[in-house]
Amino acid sequence: VLEQLPDLQTAGFELLMDAIFGFSFKGAPRAPFDSVLSALKATKIPIVSVDIPSGWAVDEGHPQDSLQPRMLVSLTCPKLCAKDYKGVHYVGGRFISPAFAQAHGLVLANYSGAEQCVRIDGGVA
């Protein structure tokens, strides 16, 4: 456990992983997470967010001045908040069955073979 966030600009990181909050997070981030999110928003280092970028509302999208990751890896299926996401976007994980998806009207990614991730933003992997 770090007592203090390192200076992201000088620490030599080439990529940062954002997996701070889960999809059920609500409200404004409190200390110490508010300062971590501020540092992530200020850095030029590429960020990969897992499922939902930290600070975003799962059903409402991203607030003004929110974290803008270079890549998003949605788990199972993209969440509503990602509908206007403009970066590299993957869906990862085959966590639900086709029967469950059909019963609930979900459109799942078209996985090839035994692949566990598929790019859905139209770019080339």
Foldseek 3Di string as FASTA:
>chain_A
DDPDDDQPVPPPDQEEEAPPDDQVDDDDDDPPVVVVQVSQLPDPRAYEYEQDGPCAHQQPAHDPSGHQHQEYEREFDHTNNCPPRDHWYKYFADPDDPVVCVVVVHDTDDDDDPDGMDTDNPDDD
